[in-house]
Amino acid sequence: MALYSEKVMDHFTHPRNVGIIENADGVGEIGNAKCGDIMKMYLKVEDNVITDVKFETFGCGSAIATSSMATEMIKGKSIDEALKLTNKAVAEALDGLPAHKMHCSVLAEEAIKAAVKDYYDRNGIAYDKSQFPDEDCPHCHE
């Protein structure tokens, strides 16, 4: 059995939604250069719907693949739907990740949440702070 699924390899070699959104409505950055994975997500939001999403990721193939898949999964969805996206759902959509790479899917989930939090902050929208990760990369301290 291959270490990575065909979907992981496809999203790594042909990532979707790579880039920057100028004048983004929300931007979230998660990770730590010390551990080697940094994800930055950009959101464009209209009427509470994510109309565009782009990412920049510095990291391994799994980090790039999870970023790509996560953007595909939230594009066209409401903010509330995007907040419900879990790292497990991202990994499942990629037909799995090796156990030692699951933290990449966690980073993708947290980058989306950080971008939504930024959107809320920029627009003065009240939110439950417990829905959002700390601004730090917990697996980098292991």
N, C-alpha and C. Protein backbone atom coordinates (compact mmCIF):
# COMPACT_ATOMS: atom_id res chain seq x y z
N MET A 1 0.84 -1.18 0.00
CA MET A 1 0.00 0.00 0.00
C MET A 1 0.88 1.25 0.00
N ALA A 2 0.52 2.21 -0.80
CA ALA A 2 1.28 3.45 -0.88
C ALA A 2 1.10 4.26 0.40
N LEU A 3 2.12 5.04 0.74
CA LEU A 3 2.07 5.88 1.92
C LEU A 3 0.99 6.95 1.78
N TYR A 4 0.85 7.50 0.57
CA TYR A 4 -0.13 8.55 0.31
C TYR A 4 -1.13 8.10 -0.74
N SER A 5 -2.39 8.50 -0.54
CA SER A 5 -3.44 8.15 -1.50
C SER A 5 -3.26 8.94 -2.80
N GLU A 6 -3.97 8.49 -3.83
CA GLU A 6 -3.94 9.21 -5.11
C GLU A 6 -4.47 10.64 -4.94
N LYS A 7 -5.48 10.80 -4.08
CA LYS A 7 -6.03 12.15 -3.86
C LYS A 7 -5.03 13.07 -3.19
N VAL A 8 -4.29 12.56 -2.22
CA VAL A 8 -3.25 13.38 -1.58
C VAL A 8 -2.23 13.80 -2.62
N MET A 9 -1.78 12.85 -3.43
CA MET A 9 -0.78 13.16 -4.45
C MET A 9 -1.31 14.16 -5.47
N ASP A 10 -2.59 14.02 -5.84
CA ASP A 10 -3.20 14.94 -6.80
C ASP A 10 -3.26 16.36 -6.23
N HIS A 11 -3.70 16.49 -4.99
CA HIS A 11 -3.80 17.83 -4.38
C HIS A 11 -2.42 18.41 -4.06
N PHE A 12 -1.43 17.55 -3.87
CA PHE A 12 -0.06 18.05 -3.67
C PHE A 12 0.54 18.53 -4.99
N THR A 13 0.38 17.72 -6.04
CA THR A 13 1.01 18.08 -7.32
C THR A 13 0.20 19.07 -8.14
N HIS A 14 -1.11 19.15 -7.88
CA HIS A 14 -2.00 20.08 -8.58
C HIS A 14 -2.90 20.79 -7.56
N PRO A 15 -2.32 21.56 -6.65
CA PRO A 15 -3.14 22.18 -5.61
C PRO A 15 -4.14 23.18 -6.19
N ARG A 16 -5.31 23.19 -5.58
CA ARG A 16 -6.37 24.11 -5.98
C ARG A 16 -6.34 25.35 -5.08
N ASN A 17 -6.75 26.47 -5.64
CA ASN A 17 -6.96 27.71 -4.87
C ASN A 17 -5.69 28.25 -4.21
N VAL A 18 -4.56 28.10 -4.86
CA VAL A 18 -3.31 28.64 -4.34
C VAL A 18 -3.24 30.13 -4.65
N GLY A 19 -2.77 30.91 -3.71
CA GLY A 19 -2.55 32.33 -3.98
C GLY A 19 -3.05 33.21 -2.86
N ILE A 20 -3.14 34.47 -3.19
CA ILE A 20 -3.53 35.52 -2.25
C ILE A 20 -4.78 36.19 -2.78
N ILE A 21 -5.69 36.55 -1.88
CA ILE A 21 -6.84 37.36 -2.25
C ILE A 21 -6.55 38.77 -1.76
N GLU A 22 -6.37 39.68 -2.70
CA GLU A 22 -6.19 41.08 -2.33
C GLU A 22 -7.48 41.57 -1.68
N ASN A 23 -7.37 42.38 -0.66
CA ASN A 23 -8.55 42.90 0.05
C ASN A 23 -9.44 41.77 0.57
N ALA A 24 -8.82 40.74 1.09
CA ALA A 24 -9.58 39.62 1.65
C ALA A 24 -10.43 40.10 2.82
N ASP A 25 -11.55 39.44 3.03
CA ASP A 25 -12.41 39.77 4.15
C ASP A 25 -11.94 39.14 5.44
N GLY A 26 -11.15 38.08 5.33
CA GLY A 26 -10.58 37.41 6.50
C GLY A 26 -9.31 36.70 6.10
N VAL A 27 -8.29 36.81 6.97
CA VAL A 27 -7.01 36.14 6.72
C VAL A 27 -6.60 35.45 8.01
N GLY A 28 -6.22 34.18 7.89
CA GLY A 28 -5.76 33.44 9.06
C GLY A 28 -4.45 32.74 8.76
N GLU A 29 -3.54 32.84 9.71
CA GLU A 29 -2.24 32.17 9.56
C GLU A 29 -2.00 31.30 10.79
N ILE A 30 -1.67 30.05 10.53
CA ILE A 30 -1.44 29.09 11.60
C ILE A 30 -0.13 28.37 11.30
N GLY A 31 0.58 28.03 12.37
CA GLY A 31 1.80 27.25 12.21
C GLY A 31 2.98 27.92 12.83
N ASN A 32 4.11 27.34 12.57
CA ASN A 32 5.34 27.79 13.19
C ASN A 32 6.50 27.36 12.29
N ALA A 33 7.33 28.30 11.91
CA ALA A 33 8.45 27.99 11.02
C ALA A 33 9.39 26.96 11.66
N LYS A 34 9.43 26.92 12.98
CA LYS A 34 10.30 26.00 13.69
C LYS A 34 9.95 24.54 13.36
N CYS A 35 8.64 24.25 13.21
CA CYS A 35 8.25 22.87 12.90
C CYS A 35 8.09 22.65 11.40
N GLY A 36 8.11 23.73 10.63
CA GLY A 36 8.13 23.58 9.19
C GLY A 36 6.82 23.68 8.46
N ASP A 37 5.72 23.87 9.15
CA ASP A 37 4.43 23.98 8.47
C ASP A 37 3.76 25.31 8.83
N ILE A 38 3.49 26.11 7.82
CA ILE A 38 2.77 27.37 8.01
C ILE A 38 1.69 27.44 6.94
N MET A 39 0.45 27.69 7.37
CA MET A 39 -0.67 27.84 6.44
C MET A 39 -1.28 29.21 6.61
N LYS A 40 -1.59 29.82 5.48
CA LYS A 40 -2.28 31.10 5.48
C LYS A 40 -3.48 30.97 4.58
N MET A 41 -4.66 31.28 5.11
CA MET A 41 -5.92 31.20 4.36
C MET A 41 -6.50 32.60 4.19
N TYR A 42 -7.04 32.84 3.00
CA TYR A 42 -7.68 34.11 2.65
C TYR A 42 -9.13 33.82 2.28
N LEU A 43 -10.05 34.59 2.84
CA LEU A 43 -11.47 34.42 2.54
C LEU A 43 -12.07 35.68 1.94
N LYS A 44 -12.95 35.48 0.98
CA LYS A 44 -13.82 36.53 0.45
C LYS A 44 -15.24 36.09 0.82
N VAL A 45 -15.97 36.96 1.49
CA VAL A 45 -17.29 36.60 2.01
C VAL A 45 -18.33 37.59 1.52
N GLU A 46 -19.43 37.06 1.02
CA GLU A 46 -20.58 37.88 0.63
C GLU A 46 -21.84 37.25 1.18
N ASP A 47 -22.63 38.02 1.91
CA ASP A 47 -23.88 37.52 2.50
C ASP A 47 -23.66 36.23 3.29
N ASN A 48 -22.59 36.23 4.08
CA ASN A 48 -22.25 35.10 4.96
C ASN A 48 -21.83 33.84 4.21
N VAL A 49 -21.53 33.96 2.91
CA VAL A 49 -21.09 32.81 2.10
C VAL A 49 -19.66 33.06 1.62
N ILE A 50 -18.84 32.03 1.71
CA ILE A 50 -17.45 32.13 1.24
C ILE A 50 -17.47 32.02 -0.28
N THR A 51 -17.28 33.15 -0.94
CA THR A 51 -17.34 33.17 -2.40
C THR A 51 -15.99 32.86 -3.04
N ASP A 52 -14.91 33.07 -2.27
CA ASP A 52 -13.58 32.72 -2.77
C ASP A 52 -12.70 32.40 -1.57
N VAL A 53 -11.77 31.50 -1.77
CA VAL A 53 -10.82 31.13 -0.73
C VAL A 53 -9.52 30.74 -1.41
N LYS A 54 -8.43 31.23 -0.86
CA LYS A 54 -7.11 30.90 -1.39
C LYS A 54 -6.18 30.60 -0.22
N PHE A 55 -5.08 29.93 -0.52
CA PHE A 55 -4.12 29.60 0.54
C PHE A 55 -2.69 29.73 0.05
N GLU A 56 -1.83 29.93 1.02
CA GLU A 56 -0.38 29.82 0.84
C GLU A 56 0.08 28.89 1.95
N THR A 57 0.83 27.87 1.59
CA THR A 57 1.33 26.93 2.58
C THR A 57 2.82 26.70 2.37
N PHE A 58 3.54 26.81 3.47
CA PHE A 58 4.94 26.44 3.51
C PHE A 58 4.99 25.17 4.33
N GLY A 59 5.29 24.06 3.69
CA GLY A 59 5.32 22.81 4.43
C GLY A 59 5.44 21.62 3.50
N CYS A 60 5.17 20.47 4.06
CA CYS A 60 5.32 19.21 3.33
C CYS A 60 4.15 18.98 2.36
N GLY A 61 4.23 17.91 1.62
CA GLY A 61 3.18 17.57 0.66
C GLY A 61 1.82 17.39 1.31
N SER A 62 1.78 16.82 2.51
CA SER A 62 0.50 16.64 3.22
C SER A 62 -0.09 17.98 3.62
N ALA A 63 0.75 18.92 4.01
CA ALA A 63 0.27 20.25 4.38
C ALA A 63 -0.34 20.95 3.17
N ILE A 64 0.30 20.83 2.03
CA ILE A 64 -0.21 21.44 0.80
C ILE A 64 -1.52 20.75 0.39
N ALA A 65 -1.54 19.43 0.44
CA ALA A 65 -2.75 18.67 0.04
C ALA A 65 -3.93 18.99 0.96
N THR A 66 -3.70 19.08 2.26
CA THR A 66 -4.81 19.36 3.17
C THR A 66 -5.31 20.79 3.00
N SER A 67 -4.40 21.73 2.73
CA SER A 67 -4.82 23.11 2.47
C SER A 67 -5.70 23.16 1.23
N SER A 68 -5.25 22.50 0.17
CA SER A 68 -5.97 22.48 -1.09
C SER A 68 -7.36 21.86 -0.92
N MET A 69 -7.42 20.70 -0.28
CA MET A 69 -8.71 20.02 -0.08
C MET A 69 -9.63 20.85 0.80
N ALA A 70 -9.11 21.44 1.86
CA ALA A 70 -9.94 22.24 2.77
C ALA A 70 -10.56 23.42 2.03
N THR A 71 -9.80 24.08 1.16
CA THR A 71 -10.37 25.21 0.41
C THR A 71 -11.49 24.74 -0.50
N GLU A 72 -11.31 23.59 -1.12
CA GLU A 72 -12.35 23.04 -1.99
C GLU A 72 -13.62 22.74 -1.19
N MET A 73 -13.45 22.31 0.05
CA MET A 73 -14.58 21.89 0.87
C MET A 73 -15.38 23.06 1.43
N ILE A 74 -14.77 24.25 1.53
CA ILE A 74 -15.52 25.39 2.11
C ILE A 74 -15.96 26.42 1.08
N LYS A 75 -15.41 26.37 -0.11
CA LYS A 75 -15.78 27.34 -1.14
C LYS A 75 -17.27 27.19 -1.47
N GLY A 76 -18.00 28.31 -1.42
CA GLY A 76 -19.43 28.29 -1.69
C GLY A 76 -20.28 27.95 -0.47
N LYS A 77 -19.64 27.67 0.65
CA LYS A 77 -20.37 27.32 1.87
C LYS A 77 -20.55 28.55 2.76
N SER A 78 -21.49 28.44 3.68
CA SER A 78 -21.68 29.53 4.65
C SER A 78 -20.53 29.51 5.65
N ILE A 79 -20.37 30.63 6.34
CA ILE A 79 -19.35 30.70 7.40
C ILE A 79 -19.61 29.61 8.44
N ASP A 80 -20.87 29.43 8.83
CA ASP A 80 -21.20 28.41 9.83
C ASP A 80 -20.82 27.02 9.36
N GLU A 81 -21.04 26.72 8.09
CA GLU A 81 -20.65 25.41 7.55
C GLU A 81 -19.14 25.26 7.56
N ALA A 82 -18.43 26.31 7.20
CA ALA A 82 -16.96 26.26 7.19
C ALA A 82 -16.42 26.00 8.59
N LEU A 83 -17.04 26.60 9.59
CA LEU A 83 -16.59 26.39 10.97
C LEU A 83 -16.80 24.96 11.45
N LYS A 84 -17.70 24.23 10.82
CA LYS A 84 -17.97 22.84 11.20
C LYS A 84 -17.01 21.86 10.54
N LEU A 85 -16.20 22.33 9.59
CA LEU A 85 -15.26 21.44 8.91
C LEU A 85 -14.21 20.95 9.92
N THR A 86 -14.05 19.65 10.00
CA THR A 86 -13.08 19.08 10.93
C THR A 86 -11.85 18.57 10.19
N ASN A 87 -10.78 18.43 10.92
CA ASN A 87 -9.57 17.87 10.32
C ASN A 87 -9.82 16.44 9.86
N LYS A 88 -10.66 15.70 10.57
CA LYS A 88 -10.97 14.32 10.17
C LYS A 88 -11.69 14.30 8.82
N ALA A 89 -12.60 15.26 8.61
CA ALA A 89 -13.32 15.32 7.33
C ALA A 89 -12.35 15.64 6.19
N VAL A 90 -11.39 16.51 6.43
CA VAL A 90 -10.38 16.83 5.41
C VAL A 90 -9.55 15.60 5.10
N ALA A 91 -9.10 14.89 6.12
CA ALA A 91 -8.29 13.68 5.92
C ALA A 91 -9.10 12.61 5.18
N GLU A 92 -10.37 12.45 5.56
CA GLU A 92 -11.22 11.46 4.88
C GLU A 92 -11.44 11.82 3.42
N ALA A 93 -11.61 13.11 3.13
CA ALA A 93 -11.81 13.54 1.74
C ALA A 93 -10.57 13.25 0.89
N LEU A 94 -9.42 13.17 1.54
CA LEU A 94 -8.17 12.84 0.85
C LEU A 94 -7.90 11.33 0.85
N ASP A 95 -8.87 10.55 1.27
CA ASP A 95 -8.73 9.09 1.40
C ASP A 95 -7.65 8.71 2.41
N GLY A 96 -7.52 9.54 3.43
CA GLY A 96 -6.63 9.23 4.54
C GLY A 96 -5.26 9.87 4.46
N LEU A 97 -4.65 9.98 5.63
CA LEU A 97 -3.28 10.48 5.77
C LEU A 97 -2.54 9.54 6.71
N PRO A 98 -1.23 9.41 6.55
CA PRO A 98 -0.47 8.64 7.54
C PRO A 98 -0.63 9.29 8.92
N ALA A 99 -0.62 8.50 9.97
CA ALA A 99 -0.84 9.00 11.33
C ALA A 99 0.10 10.17 11.66
N HIS A 100 1.35 10.07 11.24
CA HIS A 100 2.31 11.12 11.59
C HIS A 100 2.10 12.40 10.77
N LYS A 101 1.13 12.41 9.86
CA LYS A 101 0.82 13.60 9.06
C LYS A 101 -0.57 14.17 9.38
N MET A 102 -1.28 13.59 10.33
CA MET A 102 -2.61 14.09 10.68
C MET A 102 -2.56 15.53 11.19
N HIS A 103 -1.43 15.94 11.76
CA HIS A 103 -1.35 17.33 12.24
C HIS A 103 -1.53 18.33 11.10
N CYS A 104 -1.24 17.92 9.88
CA CYS A 104 -1.44 18.81 8.72
C CYS A 104 -2.92 19.12 8.52
N SER A 105 -3.77 18.11 8.73
CA SER A 105 -5.20 18.36 8.59
C SER A 105 -5.70 19.24 9.73
N VAL A 106 -5.09 19.13 10.90
CA VAL A 106 -5.44 20.00 12.03
C VAL A 106 -5.08 21.44 11.68
N LEU A 107 -3.92 21.64 11.08
CA LEU A 107 -3.53 22.99 10.67
C LEU A 107 -4.51 23.58 9.65
N ALA A 108 -4.98 22.76 8.72
CA ALA A 108 -5.94 23.25 7.71
C ALA A 108 -7.22 23.70 8.40
N GLU A 109 -7.74 22.89 9.31
CA GLU A 109 -8.95 23.26 10.06
C GLU A 109 -8.72 24.55 10.83
N GLU A 110 -7.59 24.65 11.50
CA GLU A 110 -7.30 25.83 12.32
C GLU A 110 -7.06 27.08 11.49
N ALA A 111 -6.47 26.93 10.30
CA ALA A 111 -6.25 28.09 9.43
C ALA A 111 -7.58 28.67 8.96
N ILE A 112 -8.53 27.80 8.64
CA ILE A 112 -9.86 28.27 8.25
C ILE A 112 -10.50 29.01 9.41
N LYS A 113 -10.43 28.42 10.60
CA LYS A 113 -11.03 29.07 11.77
C LYS A 113 -10.36 30.41 12.06
N ALA A 114 -9.05 30.48 11.89
CA ALA A 114 -8.34 31.74 12.13
C ALA A 114 -8.78 32.81 11.13
N ALA A 115 -9.02 32.41 9.88
CA ALA A 115 -9.49 33.36 8.86
C ALA A 115 -10.91 33.83 9.17
N VAL A 116 -11.76 32.92 9.63
CA VAL A 116 -13.13 33.30 10.01
C VAL A 116 -13.09 34.23 11.21
N LYS A 117 -12.25 33.92 12.19
CA LYS A 117 -12.11 34.78 13.37
C LYS A 117 -11.69 36.18 12.94
N ASP A 118 -10.74 36.27 12.02
CA ASP A 118 -10.29 37.57 11.52
C ASP A 118 -11.45 38.30 10.82
N TYR A 119 -12.23 37.57 10.06
CA TYR A 119 -13.41 38.15 9.40
C TYR A 119 -14.37 38.71 10.45
N TYR A 120 -14.64 37.93 11.48
CA TYR A 120 -15.52 38.40 12.55
C TYR A 120 -14.96 39.65 13.22
N ASP A 121 -13.66 39.61 13.54
CA ASP A 121 -13.02 40.75 14.20
C ASP A 121 -13.09 42.01 13.34
N ARG A 122 -12.79 41.88 12.06
CA ARG A 122 -12.81 43.04 11.15
C ARG A 122 -14.20 43.66 11.04
N ASN A 123 -15.23 42.82 11.18
CA ASN A 123 -16.60 43.28 10.98
C ASN A 123 -17.38 43.47 12.27
N GLY A 124 -16.70 43.36 13.40
CA GLY A 124 -17.36 43.56 14.68
C GLY A 124 -18.46 42.55 14.96
N ILE A 125 -18.30 41.34 14.47
CA ILE A 125 -19.30 40.28 14.68
C ILE A 125 -18.93 39.51 15.94
N ALA A 126 -19.89 39.41 16.86
CA ALA A 126 -19.66 38.69 18.12
C ALA A 126 -19.55 37.18 17.83
N TYR A 127 -18.72 36.49 18.59
CA TYR A 127 -18.54 35.05 18.42
C TYR A 127 -18.11 34.41 19.72
N ASP A 128 -18.26 33.10 19.77
CA ASP A 128 -17.85 32.29 20.91
C ASP A 128 -16.35 32.00 20.76
N LYS A 129 -15.55 32.57 21.63
CA LYS A 129 -14.09 32.43 21.52
C LYS A 129 -13.62 30.97 21.62
N SER A 130 -14.42 30.11 22.25
CA SER A 130 -14.02 28.71 22.39
C SER A 130 -14.06 27.95 21.05
N GLN A 131 -14.69 28.54 20.03
CA GLN A 131 -14.75 27.90 18.72
C GLN A 131 -13.43 28.00 17.96
N PHE A 132 -12.51 28.83 18.46
CA PHE A 132 -11.32 29.15 17.68
C PHE A 132 -10.06 28.71 18.40
N PRO A 133 -9.07 28.28 17.62
CA PRO A 133 -7.82 27.80 18.22
C PRO A 133 -6.99 28.95 18.76
N ASP A 134 -6.08 28.60 19.65
CA ASP A 134 -5.08 29.57 20.06
C ASP A 134 -4.23 29.88 18.85
N GLU A 135 -3.56 31.01 18.87
CA GLU A 135 -2.76 31.45 17.73
C GLU A 135 -1.43 30.70 17.64
N ASP A 136 -1.33 29.55 18.29
CA ASP A 136 -0.06 28.84 18.34
C ASP A 136 -0.22 27.43 17.77
N CYS A 137 0.86 26.83 17.41
CA CYS A 137 0.88 25.50 16.81
C CYS A 137 1.25 24.48 17.90
N PRO A 138 0.25 23.80 18.51
CA PRO A 138 0.54 22.95 19.66
C PRO A 138 1.52 21.81 19.38
N HIS A 139 1.46 21.21 18.19
CA HIS A 139 2.36 20.08 17.94
C HIS A 139 3.81 20.53 17.77
N CYS A 140 4.05 21.84 17.62
CA CYS A 140 5.42 22.33 17.47
C CYS A 140 6.17 22.32 18.81
N HIS A 141 5.43 22.13 19.88
CA HIS A 141 6.05 22.16 21.21
C HIS A 141 6.26 20.76 21.77
N GLU A 142 5.98 19.74 20.98
CA GLU A 142 6.13 18.37 21.46
C GLU A 142 7.58 17.98 21.54
